[in-house]
């Protein structure tokens, strides 16, 4: 979250990506930083996923990522 905040403040668009169990933690950290970064949440867990499973997760998230990085 700190990296995305820093990039955005420098005028470079960024998107925070995490798995769904971290929704509350991301909201808390955004409030503490005073910055509401664009974010996309994906399936959990990530570790121990096969390459094909990771590609499927990425394919499901790509539209949201593009919208988040190019949106207002």
PDB file of N, CA and C in Angstrom:
ATOM      1  N   UNK A   1       0.829  -1.191   0.000  1.00  0.00           N
ATOM      2  CA  UNK A   1       0.000   0.000   0.000  1.00  0.00           C
ATOM      3  C   UNK A   1       0.875   1.257   0.000  1.00  0.00           C
ATOM      4  N   UNK A   2       1.982   1.231   0.722  1.00  0.00           N
ATOM      5  CA  UNK A   2       2.865   2.396   0.756  1.00  0.00           C
ATOM      6  C   UNK A   2       3.421   2.694  -0.634  1.00  0.00           C
ATOM      7  N   UNK A   3       3.793   1.643  -1.373  1.00  0.00           N
ATOM      8  CA  UNK A   3       4.344   1.836  -2.720  1.00  0.00           C
ATOM      9  C   UNK A   3       3.328   2.483  -3.650  1.00  0.00           C
ATOM     10  N   UNK A   4       2.096   1.988  -3.628  1.00  0.00           N
ATOM     11  CA  UNK A   4       1.059   2.539  -4.494  1.00  0.00           C
ATOM     12  C   UNK A   4       0.788   3.994  -4.118  1.00  0.00           C
ATOM     13  N   UNK A   5       0.742   4.285  -2.842  1.00  0.00           N
ATOM     14  CA  UNK A   5       0.524   5.656  -2.377  1.00  0.00           C
ATOM     15  C   UNK A   5       1.630   6.572  -2.889  1.00  0.00           C
ATOM     16  N   UNK A   6       2.871   6.120  -2.778  1.00  0.00           N
ATOM     17  CA  UNK A   6       4.011   6.913  -3.244  1.00  0.00           C
ATOM     18  C   UNK A   6       3.944   7.137  -4.755  1.00  0.00           C
ATOM     19  N   UNK A   7       3.657   6.089  -5.513  1.00  0.00           N
ATOM     20  CA  UNK A   7       3.560   6.229  -6.970  1.00  0.00           C
ATOM     21  C   UNK A   7       2.464   7.208  -7.363  1.00  0.00           C
ATOM     22  N   UNK A   8       1.294   7.068  -6.756  1.00  0.00           N
ATOM     23  CA  UNK A   8       0.171   7.949  -7.082  1.00  0.00           C
ATOM     24  C   UNK A   8       0.501   9.407  -6.769  1.00  0.00           C
ATOM     25  N   UNK A   9       1.154   9.643  -5.671  1.00  0.00           N
ATOM     26  CA  UNK A   9       1.509  11.023  -5.306  1.00  0.00           C
ATOM     27  C   UNK A   9       2.547  11.607  -6.253  1.00  0.00           C
ATOM     28  N   UNK A  10       3.276  10.742  -6.960  1.00  0.00           N
ATOM     29  CA  UNK A  10       4.248  11.191  -7.968  1.00  0.00           C
ATOM     30  C   UNK A  10       3.614  11.307  -9.356  1.00  0.00           C
ATOM     31  N   UNK A  11       2.319  11.032  -9.447  1.00  0.00           N
ATOM     32  CA  UNK A  11       1.614  11.136 -10.715  1.00  0.00           C
ATOM     33  C   UNK A  11       1.624   9.867 -11.548  1.00  0.00           C
ATOM     34  N   UNK A  12       2.073   8.748 -10.977  1.00  0.00           N
ATOM     35  CA  UNK A  12       2.094   7.474 -11.687  1.00  0.00           C
ATOM     36  C   UNK A  12       0.947   6.602 -11.178  1.00  0.00           C
ATOM     37  N   UNK A  13       0.080   6.163 -12.069  1.00  0.00           N
ATOM     38  CA  UNK A  13      -1.057   5.352 -11.615  1.00  0.00           C
ATOM     39  C   UNK A  13      -0.616   4.002 -11.094  1.00  0.00           C
ATOM     40  N   UNK A  14      -1.297   3.525 -10.083  1.00  0.00           N
ATOM     41  CA  UNK A  14      -0.992   2.217  -9.512  1.00  0.00           C
ATOM     42  C   UNK A  14      -2.249   1.586  -8.950  1.00  0.00           C
ATOM     43  N   UNK A  15      -2.199   0.276  -8.805  1.00  0.00           N
ATOM     44  CA  UNK A  15      -3.319  -0.475  -8.266  1.00  0.00           C
ATOM     45  C   UNK A  15      -2.779  -1.469  -7.252  1.00  0.00           C
ATOM     46  N   UNK A  16      -3.391  -1.513  -6.105  1.00  0.00           N
ATOM     47  CA  UNK A  16      -3.050  -2.452  -5.042  1.00  0.00           C
ATOM     48  C   UNK A  16      -3.785  -3.754  -5.319  1.00  0.00           C
ATOM     49  N   UNK A  17      -3.069  -4.868  -5.373  1.00  0.00           N
ATOM     50  CA  UNK A  17      -3.676  -6.170  -5.625  1.00  0.00           C
ATOM     51  C   UNK A  17      -3.397  -7.078  -4.430  1.00  0.00           C
ATOM     52  N   UNK A  18      -4.451  -7.693  -3.914  1.00  0.00           N
ATOM     53  CA  UNK A  18      -4.313  -8.611  -2.785  1.00  0.00           C
ATOM     54  C   UNK A  18      -5.426  -9.646  -2.863  1.00  0.00           C
ATOM     55  N   UNK A  19      -5.308 -10.678  -2.060  1.00  0.00           N
ATOM     56  CA  UNK A  19      -6.386 -11.665  -2.036  1.00  0.00           C
ATOM     57  C   UNK A  19      -7.483 -11.202  -1.077  1.00  0.00           C
ATOM     58  N   UNK A  20      -8.665 -11.737  -1.277  1.00  0.00           N
ATOM     59  CA  UNK A  20      -9.879 -11.242  -0.602  1.00  0.00           C
ATOM     60  C   UNK A  20      -9.828 -11.175   0.926  1.00  0.00           C
ATOM     61  N   UNK A  21      -9.148 -12.084   1.616  1.00  0.00           N
ATOM     62  CA  UNK A  21      -9.132 -11.965   3.078  1.00  0.00           C
ATOM     63  C   UNK A  21      -8.489 -10.677   3.597  1.00  0.00           C
ATOM     64  N   UNK A  22      -7.820  -9.931   2.709  1.00  0.00           N
ATOM     65  CA  UNK A  22      -7.126  -8.728   3.142  1.00  0.00           C
ATOM     66  C   UNK A  22      -7.894  -7.439   2.872  1.00  0.00           C
ATOM     67  N   UNK A  23      -9.180  -7.552   2.554  1.00  0.00           N
ATOM     68  CA  UNK A  23     -10.014  -6.377   2.293  1.00  0.00           C
ATOM     69  C   UNK A  23     -10.018  -5.437   3.502  1.00  0.00           C
ATOM     70  N   UNK A  24     -10.332  -5.949   4.666  1.00  0.00           N
ATOM     71  CA  UNK A  24     -10.395  -5.098   5.870  1.00  0.00           C
ATOM     72  C   UNK A  24      -9.053  -4.465   6.188  1.00  0.00           C
ATOM     73  N   UNK A  25      -7.980  -5.229   6.067  1.00  0.00           N
ATOM     74  CA  UNK A  25      -6.637  -4.698   6.351  1.00  0.00           C
ATOM     75  C   UNK A  25      -6.295  -3.576   5.372  1.00  0.00           C
ATOM     76  N   UNK A  26      -6.647  -3.737   4.105  1.00  0.00           N
ATOM     77  CA  UNK A  26      -6.367  -2.700   3.101  1.00  0.00           C
ATOM     78  C   UNK A  26      -7.148  -1.425   3.407  1.00  0.00           C
ATOM     79  N   UNK A  27      -8.404  -1.569   3.789  1.00  0.00           N
ATOM     80  CA  UNK A  27      -9.213  -0.393   4.122  1.00  0.00           C
ATOM     81  C   UNK A  27      -8.649   0.327   5.342  1.00  0.00           C
ATOM     82  N   UNK A  28      -8.233  -0.439   6.341  1.00  0.00           N
ATOM     83  CA  UNK A  28      -7.648   0.159   7.546  1.00  0.00           C
ATOM     84  C   UNK A  28      -6.366   0.903   7.217  1.00  0.00           C
ATOM     85  N   UNK A  29      -5.496   0.274   6.433  1.00  0.00           N
ATOM     86  CA  UNK A  29      -4.229   0.915   6.096  1.00  0.00           C
ATOM     87  C   UNK A  29      -4.455   2.157   5.238  1.00  0.00           C
ATOM     88  N   UNK A  30      -5.403   2.102   4.310  1.00  0.00           N
ATOM     89  CA  UNK A  30      -5.703   3.274   3.491  1.00  0.00           C
ATOM     90  C   UNK A  30      -6.153   4.441   4.359  1.00  0.00           C
ATOM     91  N   UNK A  31      -7.006   4.163   5.327  1.00  0.00           N
ATOM     92  CA  UNK A  31      -7.454   5.228   6.251  1.00  0.00           C
ATOM     93  C   UNK A  31      -6.272   5.798   7.026  1.00  0.00           C
ATOM     94  N   UNK A  32      -5.387   4.923   7.503  1.00  0.00           N
ATOM     95  CA  UNK A  32      -4.237   5.385   8.289  1.00  0.00           C
ATOM     96  C   UNK A  32      -3.282   6.222   7.446  1.00  0.00           C
ATOM     97  N   UNK A  33      -3.152   5.866   6.164  1.00  0.00           N
ATOM     98  CA  UNK A  33      -2.271   6.630   5.286  1.00  0.00           C
ATOM     99  C   UNK A  33      -2.939   7.889   4.740  1.00  0.00           C
ATOM    100  N   UNK A  34      -4.252   7.976   4.899  1.00  0.00           N
ATOM    101  CA  UNK A  34      -4.973   9.122   4.360  1.00  0.00           C
ATOM    102  C   UNK A  34      -5.026   9.101   2.846  1.00  0.00           C
ATOM    103  N   UNK A  35      -5.029   7.892   2.272  1.00  0.00           N
ATOM    104  CA  UNK A  35      -5.013   7.751   0.820  1.00  0.00           C
ATOM    105  C   UNK A  35      -5.843   6.543   0.429  1.00  0.00           C
ATOM    106  N   UNK A  36      -6.758   6.734  -0.489  1.00  0.00           N
ATOM    107  CA  UNK A  36      -7.631   5.656  -0.920  1.00  0.00           C
ATOM    108  C   UNK A  36      -7.133   5.114  -2.260  1.00  0.00           C
ATOM    109  N   UNK A  37      -6.180   4.201  -2.218  1.00  0.00           N
ATOM    110  CA  UNK A  37      -5.586   3.634  -3.429  1.00  0.00           C
ATOM    111  C   UNK A  37      -6.583   2.746  -4.154  1.00  0.00           C
ATOM    112  N   UNK A  38      -6.469   2.714  -5.473  1.00  0.00           N
ATOM    113  CA  UNK A  38      -7.258   1.768  -6.253  1.00  0.00           C
ATOM    114  C   UNK A  38      -6.815   0.368  -5.858  1.00  0.00           C
ATOM    115  N   UNK A  39      -7.788  -0.541  -5.779  1.00  0.00           N
ATOM    116  CA  UNK A  39      -7.434  -1.895  -5.365  1.00  0.00           C
ATOM    117  C   UNK A  39      -8.302  -2.932  -6.044  1.00  0.00           C
ATOM    118  N   UNK A  40      -7.721  -4.086  -6.236  1.00  0.00           N
ATOM    119  CA  UNK A  40      -8.415  -5.230  -6.815  1.00  0.00           C
ATOM    120  C   UNK A  40      -8.096  -6.429  -5.934  1.00  0.00           C
ATOM    121  N   UNK A  41      -9.134  -7.165  -5.579  1.00  0.00           N
ATOM    122  CA  UNK A  41      -8.948  -8.350  -4.745  1.00  0.00           C
ATOM    123  C   UNK A  41      -9.229  -9.601  -5.556  1.00  0.00           C
ATOM    124  N   UNK A  42      -8.392 -10.596  -5.365  1.00  0.00           N
ATOM    125  CA  UNK A  42      -8.477 -11.852  -6.114  1.00  0.00           C
ATOM    126  C   UNK A  42      -8.712 -13.020  -5.167  1.00  0.00           C
ATOM    127  N   UNK A  43      -8.909 -14.200  -5.761  1.00  0.00           N
ATOM    128  CA  UNK A  43      -9.146 -15.413  -4.979  1.00  0.00           C
ATOM    129  C   UNK A  43      -8.022 -15.677  -3.984  1.00  0.00           C
ATOM    130  N   UNK A  44      -8.358 -16.400  -2.961  1.00  0.00           N
ATOM    131  CA  UNK A  44      -7.401 -16.805  -1.933  1.00  0.00           C
ATOM    132  C   UNK A  44      -7.540 -18.304  -1.737  1.00  0.00           C
ATOM    133  N   UNK A  45      -6.503 -19.010  -1.471  1.00  0.00           N
ATOM    134  CA  UNK A  45      -5.109 -18.581  -1.318  1.00  0.00           C
ATOM    135  C   UNK A  45      -4.387 -18.507  -2.664  1.00  0.00           C
ATOM    136  N   UNK A  46      -3.270 -17.833  -2.660  1.00  0.00           N
ATOM    137  CA  UNK A  46      -2.433 -17.688  -3.845  1.00  0.00           C
ATOM    138  C   UNK A  46      -1.296 -18.710  -3.819  1.00  0.00           C
ATOM    139  N   UNK A  47      -0.668 -18.848  -2.668  1.00  0.00           N
ATOM    140  CA  UNK A  47       0.475 -19.771  -2.606  1.00  0.00           C
ATOM    141  C   UNK A  47       0.040 -21.183  -2.939  1.00  0.00           C
ATOM    142  N   UNK A  48       0.930 -21.942  -3.472  1.00  0.00           N
ATOM    143  CA  UNK A  48       0.710 -23.337  -3.860  1.00  0.00           C
ATOM    144  C   UNK A  48      -0.245 -23.498  -5.036  1.00  0.00           C
ATOM    145  N   UNK A  49      -0.504 -22.447  -5.768  1.00  0.00           N
ATOM    146  CA  UNK A  49      -1.338 -22.547  -6.963  1.00  0.00           C
ATOM    147  C   UNK A  49      -0.463 -22.979  -8.143  1.00  0.00           C
ATOM    148  N   UNK A  50      -1.025 -23.787  -9.011  1.00  0.00           N
ATOM    149  CA  UNK A  50      -0.341 -24.176 -10.243  1.00  0.00           C
ATOM    150  C   UNK A  50      -0.336 -22.992 -11.205  1.00  0.00           C
ATOM    151  N   UNK A  51       0.571 -23.027 -12.170  1.00  0.00           N
ATOM    152  CA  UNK A  51       0.656 -21.931 -13.138  1.00  0.00           C
ATOM    153  C   UNK A  51      -0.674 -21.688 -13.846  1.00  0.00           C
ATOM    154  N   UNK A  52      -1.353 -22.757 -14.257  1.00  0.00           N
ATOM    155  CA  UNK A  52      -2.641 -22.593 -14.931  1.00  0.00           C
ATOM    156  C   UNK A  52      -3.672 -21.918 -14.029  1.00  0.00           C
ATOM    157  N   UNK A  53      -3.660 -22.249 -12.754  1.00  0.00           N
ATOM    158  CA  UNK A  53      -4.584 -21.616 -11.803  1.00  0.00           C
ATOM    159  C   UNK A  53      -4.269 -20.136 -11.650  1.00  0.00           C
ATOM    160  N   UNK A  54      -2.989 -19.790 -11.599  1.00  0.00           N
ATOM    161  CA  UNK A  54      -2.598 -18.382 -11.471  1.00  0.00           C
ATOM    162  C   UNK A  54      -2.991 -17.597 -12.724  1.00  0.00           C
ATOM    163  N   UNK A  55      -2.834 -18.209 -13.896  1.00  0.00           N
ATOM    164  CA  UNK A  55      -3.263 -17.539 -15.123  1.00  0.00           C
ATOM    165  C   UNK A  55      -4.769 -17.298 -15.112  1.00  0.00           C
ATOM    166  N   UNK A  56      -5.526 -18.254 -14.623  1.00  0.00           N
ATOM    167  CA  UNK A  56      -6.985 -18.098 -14.549  1.00  0.00           C
ATOM    168  C   UNK A  56      -7.361 -16.959 -13.601  1.00  0.00           C
ATOM    169  N   UNK A  57      -6.679 -16.873 -12.463  1.00  0.00           N
ATOM    170  CA  UNK A  57      -6.928 -15.784 -11.514  1.00  0.00           C
ATOM    171  C   UNK A  57      -6.599 -14.437 -12.163  1.00  0.00           C
ATOM    172  N   UNK A  58      -5.469 -14.379 -12.866  1.00  0.00           N
ATOM    173  CA  UNK A  58      -5.074 -13.143 -13.550  1.00  0.00           C
ATOM    174  C   UNK A  58      -6.081 -12.780 -14.636  1.00  0.00           C
ATOM    175  N   UNK A  59      -6.520 -13.769 -15.403  1.00  0.00           N
ATOM    176  CA  UNK A  59      -7.508 -13.510 -16.454  1.00  0.00           C
ATOM    177  C   UNK A  59      -8.796 -12.935 -15.867  1.00  0.00           C
ATOM    178  N   UNK A  60      -9.194 -13.428 -14.706  1.00  0.00           N
ATOM    179  CA  UNK A  60     -10.413 -12.934 -14.070  1.00  0.00           C
ATOM    180  C   UNK A  60     -10.249 -11.508 -13.562  1.00  0.00           C
ATOM    181  N   UNK A  61      -9.023 -11.120 -13.219  1.00  0.00           N
ATOM    182  CA  UNK A  61      -8.783  -9.809 -12.615  1.00  0.00           C
ATOM    183  C   UNK A  61      -8.392  -8.735 -13.621  1.00  0.00           C
ATOM    184  N   UNK A  62      -7.982  -9.113 -14.820  1.00  0.00           N
ATOM    185  CA  UNK A  62      -7.384  -8.139 -15.742  1.00  0.00           C
ATOM    186  C   UNK A  62      -8.335  -6.991 -16.091  1.00  0.00           C
ATOM    187  N   UNK A  63      -9.592  -7.252 -16.293  1.00  0.00           N
ATOM    188  CA  UNK A  63     -10.540  -6.169 -16.632  1.00  0.00           C
ATOM    189  C   UNK A  63     -10.640  -5.170 -15.481  1.00  0.00           C
ATOM    190  N   UNK A  64     -10.714  -5.691 -14.255  1.00  0.00           N
ATOM    191  CA  UNK A  64     -10.779  -4.805 -13.082  1.00  0.00           C
ATOM    192  C   UNK A  64      -9.479  -4.001 -12.952  1.00  0.00           C
ATOM    193  N   UNK A  65      -8.350  -4.634 -13.202  1.00  0.00           N
ATOM    194  CA  UNK A  65      -7.060  -3.938 -13.097  1.00  0.00           C
ATOM    195  C   UNK A  65      -6.957  -2.803 -14.112  1.00  0.00           C
ATOM    196  N   UNK A  66      -7.342  -3.080 -15.341  1.00  0.00           N
ATOM    197  CA  UNK A  66      -7.289  -2.047 -16.377  1.00  0.00           C
ATOM    198  C   UNK A  66      -8.216  -0.893 -16.018  1.00  0.00           C
ATOM    199  N   UNK A  67      -9.420  -1.197 -15.568  1.00  0.00           N
ATOM    200  CA  UNK A  67     -10.370  -0.153 -15.180  1.00  0.00           C
ATOM    201  C   UNK A  67      -9.825   0.663 -14.001  1.00  0.00           C
ATOM    202  N   UNK A  68      -9.224  -0.013 -13.037  1.00  0.00           N
ATOM    203  CA  UNK A  68      -8.715   0.691 -11.855  1.00  0.00           C
ATOM    204  C   UNK A  68      -7.538   1.594 -12.188  1.00  0.00           C
ATOM    205  N   UNK A  69      -6.680   1.157 -13.090  1.00  0.00           N
ATOM    206  CA  UNK A  69      -5.490   1.960 -13.397  1.00  0.00           C
ATOM    207  C   UNK A  69      -5.781   3.092 -14.383  1.00  0.00           C
ATOM    208  N   UNK A  70      -6.840   2.938 -15.172  1.00  0.00           N
ATOM    209  CA  UNK A  70      -7.143   3.966 -16.164  1.00  0.00           C
ATOM    210  C   UNK A  70      -8.334   4.836 -15.786  1.00  0.00           C
ATOM    211  N   UNK A  71      -9.008   4.479 -14.684  1.00  0.00           N
ATOM    212  CA  UNK A  71     -10.186   5.226 -14.258  1.00  0.00           C
ATOM    213  C   UNK A  71      -9.843   6.500 -13.522  1.00  0.00           C
ATOM    214  N   UNK A  72     -10.871   7.214 -13.078  1.00  0.00           N
ATOM    215  CA  UNK A  72     -10.648   8.499 -12.381  1.00  0.00           C
ATOM    216  C   UNK A  72      -9.950   8.340 -11.049  1.00  0.00           C
TER     217      UNK A  72
END
